[in-house]
Amino acid sequence: MSIINQLKSDINSAIFCATPSSWTDVDNPHHWHPLKFSSEMQLCQSKLGSLQVGYSNFQDINNNGKQKIKELKNKVKKRIEELKTKIKTANEDEKSDLKSRINELEKAITELEKLERTVTRYNFEIDKEAPQLNYDNNTDTVTVKYDGTLGSLINELKHAFQFETGQLDFIQVANSDGSTTNIPGVLYDLGDELETYKRQYAYDGFLKMRIAWTEKELNNFLLTNISELNRTFKIISEEQNNVGILEARSMKYITADIIVKIKDTVSDNSKLYSSLSTKSLDKNSSLRQIERNNTNREDLGNLSWMGLDSFKRKTPYIEFVKVFIKEKPFIHVK
């Protein structure tokens, strides 16, 4: 934990400031000078006092983050009760979807409780343009950016749980201006995004996704699901003939085949998650699996820079990190 390392470093600094030479009388080196020793101890005590204030502030900030997680957990519990009431009068199709949502939200409760207990610090920011999860290894702080809705918040906290349990990592990369940024690393896969969208749907009961359809893909989708159009999903035209938004009102439409087609804006037809591994990766995946399934990640570049090729292909990623991190600490995985 970074706070413990900080405490240790500052305590050592305070202690070693009180060198033996400063404890003796300058005119008589063999005579111990109690006043100078006292002043050094006061300096040390002052240092420790400031640390205590800093630690208290850290606790306050961290508790605020954990309090927000607790508040969300209570709202999820309330939503589960609402769905259990609703299921009593639902038809069979609705019951099936409601059961899926309840199961997903019950998993969310368990995961949020684990996030409450983690030592990681949590900050929350509203960002309507780019909801995302960031990690600062220097302070062991996760910053959760969400669009202000609870659905978006529960989506991003699913990513947080993935990070805390080694299903997602962060890698520090250099920017053109010389600064560095932590981005989702080699464990980031399509399944990670699928899980977050299912979690968001489970809470909200609907999910709007801007899809990069080809005409053929759209026609095939409509042909396959035309009987359920406007009942459990609908296609929304954004502008003129640009048909792009799929509004799902059933869990069964939230699949990897749909998620991989999600795009960011109306004008840009590039798919947000098309470069991600379709195979599930975690900290125990082998280096061979890591390499084979990250060939399309241009943001990571050629993975040889990480030194993966210097280890046996069957080595679990987490074992590679344990060795690598000692020399080059810019891989962050729990």
Protein backbone atom coordinates (compact mmCIF):
# COMPACT_ATOMS: atom_id res chain seq x y z
CA MET A 1 0.00 0.00 0.00
CA SER A 2 1.40 3.37 -0.97
CA ILE A 3 0.35 5.05 2.31
CA ILE A 4 2.38 2.51 4.32
CA ASN A 5 5.39 3.04 2.07
CA GLN A 6 5.01 6.80 2.53
CA LEU A 7 4.81 6.44 6.31
CA LYS A 8 7.87 4.19 6.36
CA SER A 9 9.87 6.52 4.15
CA ASP A 10 9.01 9.63 6.14
CA ILE A 11 9.65 7.97 9.50
CA ASN A 12 13.05 6.80 8.29
CA SER A 13 13.79 10.28 7.04
CA ALA A 14 12.90 11.82 10.40
CA ILE A 15 14.96 9.32 12.34
CA PHE A 16 18.05 9.58 10.16
CA CYS A 17 17.93 13.38 10.32
CA ALA A 18 18.86 12.95 13.98
CA THR A 19 22.45 11.90 13.31
CA PRO A 20 24.75 11.10 16.26
CA SER A 21 26.99 14.04 15.34
CA SER A 22 24.19 16.48 16.06
CA TRP A 23 23.63 15.01 19.49
CA THR A 24 27.08 16.05 20.82
CA ASP A 25 28.59 19.35 21.90
CA VAL A 26 30.58 20.92 19.07
CA ASP A 27 33.22 22.14 21.55
CA ASN A 28 33.44 18.79 23.27
CA PRO A 29 32.63 15.91 20.83
CA HIS A 30 32.77 13.36 23.65
CA HIS A 31 30.07 15.20 25.60
CA TRP A 32 26.47 14.34 24.73
CA HIS A 33 24.37 17.50 24.29
CA PRO A 34 20.81 16.90 25.62
CA LEU A 35 19.42 20.15 24.16
CA LYS A 36 20.51 19.26 20.64
CA PHE A 37 19.19 15.74 21.07
CA SER A 38 15.91 17.20 22.30
CA SER A 39 15.63 19.51 19.31
CA GLU A 40 16.19 16.61 16.95
CA MET A 41 13.51 14.60 18.70
CA GLN A 42 11.13 17.54 18.45
CA LEU A 43 11.87 17.67 14.73
CA CYS A 44 11.12 13.97 14.50
CA GLN A 45 7.91 14.37 16.50
CA SER A 46 6.83 17.27 14.29
CA LYS A 47 7.43 15.12 11.23
CA LEU A 48 5.38 12.29 12.67
CA GLY A 49 2.65 14.73 13.63
CA SER A 50 2.35 15.98 10.08
CA LEU A 51 2.21 12.39 8.89
CA GLN A 52 -0.69 11.71 11.22
CA VAL A 53 -2.63 14.65 9.75
CA GLY A 54 -1.83 13.47 6.25
CA TYR A 55 -2.91 9.95 7.08
CA SER A 56 -6.16 11.23 8.60
CA ASN A 57 -6.85 13.21 5.44
CA PHE A 58 -6.10 10.11 3.39
CA GLN A 59 -8.56 8.13 5.50
CA ASP A 60 -11.24 10.79 5.10
CA ILE A 61 -10.88 10.86 1.32
CA ASN A 62 -10.75 7.09 1.09
CA ASN A 63 -13.78 6.72 3.37
CA ASN A 64 -15.70 9.14 1.16
CA GLY A 65 -14.97 6.93 -1.84
CA LYS A 66 -15.99 3.80 -0.02
CA GLN A 67 -19.13 5.55 1.24
CA LYS A 68 -20.19 6.18 -2.35
CA ILE A 69 -19.73 2.49 -3.12
CA LYS A 70 -21.82 1.63 -0.07
CA GLU A 71 -24.56 4.02 -1.19
CA LEU A 72 -24.64 2.41 -4.62
CA LYS A 73 -24.80 -1.05 -3.04
CA ASN A 74 -27.88 -0.01 -1.05
CA LYS A 75 -29.54 1.32 -4.21
CA VAL A 76 -28.80 -1.96 -5.99
CA LYS A 77 -30.45 -3.84 -3.11
CA LYS A 78 -33.50 -1.62 -3.48
CA ARG A 79 -33.60 -2.27 -7.22
CA ILE A 80 -33.49 -6.03 -6.62
CA GLU A 81 -36.52 -5.77 -4.35
CA GLU A 82 -38.35 -3.75 -7.01
CA LEU A 83 -37.64 -6.43 -9.63
CA LYS A 84 -38.76 -9.21 -7.29
CA THR A 85 -42.06 -7.41 -6.86
CA LYS A 86 -42.40 -6.84 -10.59
CA ILE A 87 -41.73 -10.49 -11.43
CA LYS A 88 -44.88 -11.59 -9.58
CA THR A 89 -47.16 -10.17 -12.28
CA ALA A 90 -44.87 -10.53 -15.31
CA ASN A 91 -45.50 -12.81 -18.29
CA GLU A 92 -43.09 -15.66 -19.01
CA ASP A 93 -40.77 -13.71 -21.33
CA GLU A 94 -40.57 -10.83 -18.89
CA LYS A 95 -39.94 -13.21 -15.97
CA SER A 96 -36.96 -14.74 -17.77
CA ASP A 97 -35.37 -11.34 -18.29
CA LEU A 98 -36.18 -10.15 -14.78
CA LYS A 99 -34.55 -13.27 -13.32
CA SER A 100 -31.41 -12.56 -15.38
CA ARG A 101 -31.32 -9.00 -14.08
CA ILE A 102 -31.82 -10.07 -10.48
CA ASN A 103 -29.03 -12.66 -10.72
CA GLU A 104 -26.69 -10.06 -12.21
CA LEU A 105 -27.47 -7.50 -9.53
CA GLU A 106 -27.00 -10.04 -6.74
CA LYS A 107 -23.52 -10.64 -8.12
CA ALA A 108 -23.03 -6.88 -8.11
CA ILE A 109 -23.81 -6.75 -4.37
CA THR A 110 -21.08 -9.31 -3.63
CA GLU A 111 -18.56 -7.45 -5.77
CA LEU A 112 -19.36 -4.02 -4.35
CA GLU A 113 -18.87 -5.40 -0.84
CA LYS A 114 -15.41 -6.57 -1.87
CA LEU A 115 -14.62 -3.13 -3.28
CA GLU A 116 -15.65 -1.62 0.06
CA ARG A 117 -13.02 -3.75 1.81
CA THR A 118 -10.14 -3.19 -0.60
CA VAL A 119 -7.21 -0.97 0.45
CA THR A 120 -7.35 0.88 -2.87
CA ARG A 121 -8.41 4.52 -2.71
CA TYR A 122 -11.43 5.49 -4.86
CA ASN A 123 -12.22 8.87 -6.41
CA PHE A 124 -15.36 9.63 -8.41
CA GLU A 125 -15.80 12.20 -11.16
CA ILE A 126 -18.67 12.94 -13.53
CA ASP A 127 -17.59 12.97 -17.18
CA LYS A 128 -20.47 12.84 -19.65
CA GLU A 129 -18.15 12.64 -22.66
CA ALA A 130 -15.79 9.84 -21.68
CA PRO A 131 -16.78 7.53 -18.81
CA GLN A 132 -13.80 5.38 -17.94
CA LEU A 133 -11.66 3.86 -15.21
CA ASN A 134 -8.16 5.19 -14.47
CA TYR A 135 -5.49 3.99 -12.06
CA ASP A 136 -2.66 5.94 -10.41
CA ASN A 137 -0.08 3.52 -9.08
CA ASN A 138 1.78 6.23 -7.13
CA THR A 139 -1.16 6.71 -4.78
CA ASP A 140 -2.92 3.37 -5.36
CA THR A 141 -5.96 5.35 -6.47
CA VAL A 142 -8.70 4.30 -8.87
CA THR A 143 -10.54 7.23 -10.45
CA VAL A 144 -14.01 6.31 -11.64
CA LYS A 145 -15.36 8.64 -14.32
CA TYR A 146 -19.05 8.12 -15.09
CA ASP A 147 -21.75 10.09 -16.89
CA GLY A 148 -23.70 10.93 -13.74
CA THR A 149 -26.19 8.05 -13.95
CA LEU A 150 -26.19 5.05 -11.63
CA GLY A 151 -26.15 2.74 -14.64
CA SER A 152 -22.89 4.25 -15.83
CA LEU A 153 -21.44 4.13 -12.31
CA ILE A 154 -22.23 0.45 -11.85
CA ASN A 155 -20.73 -0.21 -15.30
CA GLU A 156 -17.40 1.38 -14.37
CA LEU A 157 -17.30 -0.24 -10.93
CA LYS A 158 -17.54 -3.62 -12.65
CA HIS A 159 -14.26 -2.66 -14.34
CA ALA A 160 -12.92 -1.74 -10.90
CA PHE A 161 -13.77 -5.21 -9.61
CA GLN A 162 -12.07 -6.73 -12.65
CA PHE A 163 -8.93 -4.78 -11.79
CA GLU A 164 -9.03 -5.70 -8.11
CA THR A 165 -9.30 -9.41 -8.98
CA GLY A 166 -6.65 -9.60 -11.71
CA GLN A 167 -9.00 -9.78 -14.68
CA LEU A 168 -7.83 -6.37 -15.88
CA ASP A 169 -4.44 -4.65 -15.69
CA PHE A 170 -3.01 -1.24 -16.48
CA ILE A 171 0.18 -0.43 -18.37
CA GLN A 172 1.98 2.89 -18.33
CA VAL A 173 2.64 4.27 -21.82
CA ALA A 174 4.51 7.37 -22.95
CA ASN A 175 2.69 10.30 -24.53
CA SER A 176 4.08 12.51 -27.29
CA ASP A 177 4.63 15.36 -24.82
CA GLY A 178 6.81 13.21 -22.59
CA SER A 179 4.15 12.55 -19.94
CA THR A 180 2.81 9.08 -19.19
CA THR A 181 -0.67 7.58 -19.01
CA ASN A 182 -1.97 4.36 -17.53
CA ILE A 183 -4.19 2.51 -20.01
CA PRO A 184 -5.96 -0.88 -19.82
CA GLY A 185 -3.28 -3.47 -20.50
CA VAL A 186 -2.89 -6.89 -22.03
CA LEU A 187 -5.59 -8.54 -19.91
CA TYR A 188 -8.28 -6.20 -21.26
CA ASP A 189 -10.60 -8.31 -23.40
CA LEU A 190 -14.01 -8.18 -25.06
CA GLY A 191 -15.53 -10.21 -22.23
CA ASP A 192 -14.60 -7.45 -19.77
CA GLU A 193 -16.76 -4.99 -21.71
CA LEU A 194 -19.57 -7.51 -22.17
CA GLU A 195 -19.74 -7.96 -18.39
CA THR A 196 -19.98 -4.22 -17.75
CA TYR A 197 -22.78 -3.68 -20.29
CA LYS A 198 -24.77 -6.58 -18.84
CA ARG A 199 -24.31 -5.09 -15.39
CA GLN A 200 -25.54 -1.69 -16.58
CA TYR A 201 -28.55 -3.23 -18.31
CA ALA A 202 -29.40 -5.24 -15.20
CA TYR A 203 -29.72 -2.02 -13.20
CA ASP A 204 -31.40 0.22 -15.80
CA GLY A 205 -33.60 -2.29 -17.64
CA PHE A 206 -32.57 -0.88 -21.01
CA LEU A 207 -29.32 -0.21 -22.85
CA LYS A 208 -28.70 2.11 -25.78
CA MET A 209 -25.70 1.20 -27.92
CA ARG A 210 -24.46 3.10 -30.96
CA ILE A 211 -23.66 0.30 -33.43
CA ALA A 212 -21.37 0.39 -36.47
CA TRP A 213 -23.74 -1.60 -38.69
CA THR A 214 -23.06 -2.60 -42.24
CA GLU A 215 -26.20 -2.78 -44.35
CA LYS A 216 -25.87 -6.54 -44.50
CA GLU A 217 -25.41 -6.87 -40.74
CA LEU A 218 -28.42 -4.70 -40.01
CA ASN A 219 -30.65 -6.60 -42.47
CA ASN A 220 -29.56 -9.94 -41.03
CA PHE A 221 -30.22 -8.74 -37.49
CA LEU A 222 -33.68 -7.47 -38.38
CA LEU A 223 -34.52 -10.58 -40.36
CA THR A 224 -33.56 -12.79 -37.42
CA ASN A 225 -35.36 -10.73 -34.78
CA ILE A 226 -38.18 -9.01 -36.66
CA SER A 227 -40.89 -10.68 -34.56
CA GLU A 228 -39.55 -8.93 -31.44
CA LEU A 229 -38.98 -5.50 -32.97
CA ASN A 230 -40.33 -2.73 -30.67
CA ARG A 231 -41.05 -5.26 -27.92
CA THR A 232 -37.62 -6.20 -26.64
CA PHE A 233 -35.49 -3.97 -28.85
CA LYS A 234 -35.75 -1.15 -31.32
CA ILE A 235 -33.46 0.46 -33.88
CA ILE A 236 -33.19 4.24 -33.70
CA SER A 237 -32.16 6.48 -36.62
CA GLU A 238 -29.78 9.17 -35.38
CA GLU A 239 -29.76 11.55 -38.31
CA GLN A 240 -31.25 11.27 -41.78
CA ASN A 241 -30.62 7.70 -42.97
CA ASN A 242 -27.91 6.92 -40.44
CA VAL A 243 -29.44 4.02 -38.50
CA GLY A 244 -27.13 3.48 -35.58
CA ILE A 245 -28.62 2.99 -32.11
CA LEU A 246 -29.81 -0.34 -30.84
CA GLU A 247 -31.95 0.03 -27.74
CA ALA A 248 -32.00 -3.33 -26.00
CA ARG A 249 -34.75 -4.15 -23.54
CA SER A 250 -33.76 -7.76 -23.01
CA MET A 251 -30.53 -9.27 -21.67
CA LYS A 252 -30.37 -11.70 -24.57
CA TYR A 253 -29.44 -8.89 -26.99
CA ILE A 254 -26.35 -7.97 -25.00
CA THR A 255 -23.87 -10.37 -26.59
CA ALA A 256 -20.23 -10.26 -27.66
CA ASP A 257 -21.37 -10.08 -31.31
CA ILE A 258 -23.20 -6.84 -30.55
CA ILE A 259 -20.67 -5.32 -28.14
CA VAL A 260 -17.84 -5.68 -30.66
CA LYS A 261 -19.82 -3.46 -33.08
CA ILE A 262 -20.22 -0.53 -30.66
CA LYS A 263 -18.87 2.76 -31.98
CA ASP A 264 -18.19 6.08 -30.27
CA THR A 265 -19.75 8.79 -32.43
CA VAL A 266 -22.23 9.19 -35.27
CA SER A 267 -19.60 10.18 -37.83
CA ASP A 268 -16.87 7.74 -36.83
CA ASN A 269 -17.69 4.20 -37.93
CA SER A 270 -14.70 2.57 -36.22
CA LYS A 271 -15.56 -0.04 -33.61
CA LEU A 272 -14.43 0.73 -30.07
CA TYR A 273 -13.67 -2.82 -29.00
CA SER A 274 -12.73 -4.53 -32.26
CA SER A 275 -9.03 -4.76 -31.32
CA LEU A 276 -9.66 -6.51 -28.00
CA SER A 277 -9.04 -10.18 -27.42
CA THR A 278 -12.13 -12.32 -27.93
CA LYS A 279 -10.57 -14.87 -25.59
CA SER A 280 -10.92 -14.26 -21.86
CA LEU A 281 -7.58 -13.24 -20.33
CA ASP A 282 -6.58 -12.78 -16.69
CA LYS A 283 -3.45 -12.67 -14.54
CA ASN A 284 -3.06 -16.46 -14.78
CA SER A 285 -3.15 -16.53 -18.60
CA SER A 286 0.10 -17.73 -20.16
CA LEU A 287 2.47 -15.39 -21.97
CA ARG A 288 1.67 -17.31 -25.16
CA GLN A 289 -2.03 -16.50 -24.73
CA ILE A 290 -1.20 -12.87 -23.93
CA GLU A 291 0.82 -12.46 -27.14
CA ARG A 292 -1.53 -14.33 -29.44
CA ASN A 293 -4.59 -12.41 -28.35
CA ASN A 294 -3.19 -8.87 -28.35
CA THR A 295 -1.92 -8.65 -31.92
CA ASN A 296 -4.51 -5.97 -32.83
CA ARG A 297 -3.84 -3.63 -29.89
CA GLU A 298 -2.09 -0.75 -31.65
CA ASP A 299 -2.18 1.34 -28.47
CA LEU A 300 0.13 -1.19 -26.83
CA GLY A 301 2.53 -1.40 -29.77
CA ASN A 302 4.78 -4.41 -30.27
CA LEU A 303 4.65 -6.38 -27.03
CA SER A 304 8.30 -7.37 -27.36
CA TRP A 305 9.18 -4.09 -25.59
CA MET A 306 7.79 -5.64 -22.43
CA GLY A 307 10.29 -8.45 -22.52
CA LEU A 308 7.69 -11.20 -22.89
CA ASP A 309 9.99 -13.11 -25.23
CA SER A 310 12.58 -13.56 -22.49
CA PHE A 311 10.29 -15.90 -20.55
CA LYS A 312 8.93 -19.36 -21.25
CA ARG A 313 5.68 -19.25 -23.19
CA LYS A 314 3.82 -21.19 -20.49
CA THR A 315 4.73 -18.69 -17.75
CA PRO A 316 1.59 -17.15 -16.15
CA TYR A 317 1.41 -13.41 -16.76
CA ILE A 318 1.37 -12.62 -13.03
CA GLU A 319 4.65 -14.50 -12.55
CA PHE A 320 6.19 -12.51 -15.38
CA VAL A 321 4.97 -9.29 -13.77
CA LYS A 322 6.47 -10.21 -10.39
CA VAL A 323 9.92 -10.41 -11.99
CA PHE A 324 9.49 -7.58 -14.47
CA ILE A 325 8.09 -5.11 -11.95
CA LYS A 326 11.33 -5.11 -9.94
CA GLU A 327 13.18 -3.39 -12.77
CA LYS A 328 10.47 -1.64 -14.78
CA PRO A 329 7.45 -0.83 -12.60
CA PHE A 330 4.92 0.23 -15.19
CA ILE A 331 2.65 -2.79 -15.23
CA HIS A 332 -0.11 -2.65 -12.65
CA VAL A 333 -2.07 -5.78 -11.85
CA LYS A 334 -3.64 -6.82 -8.55
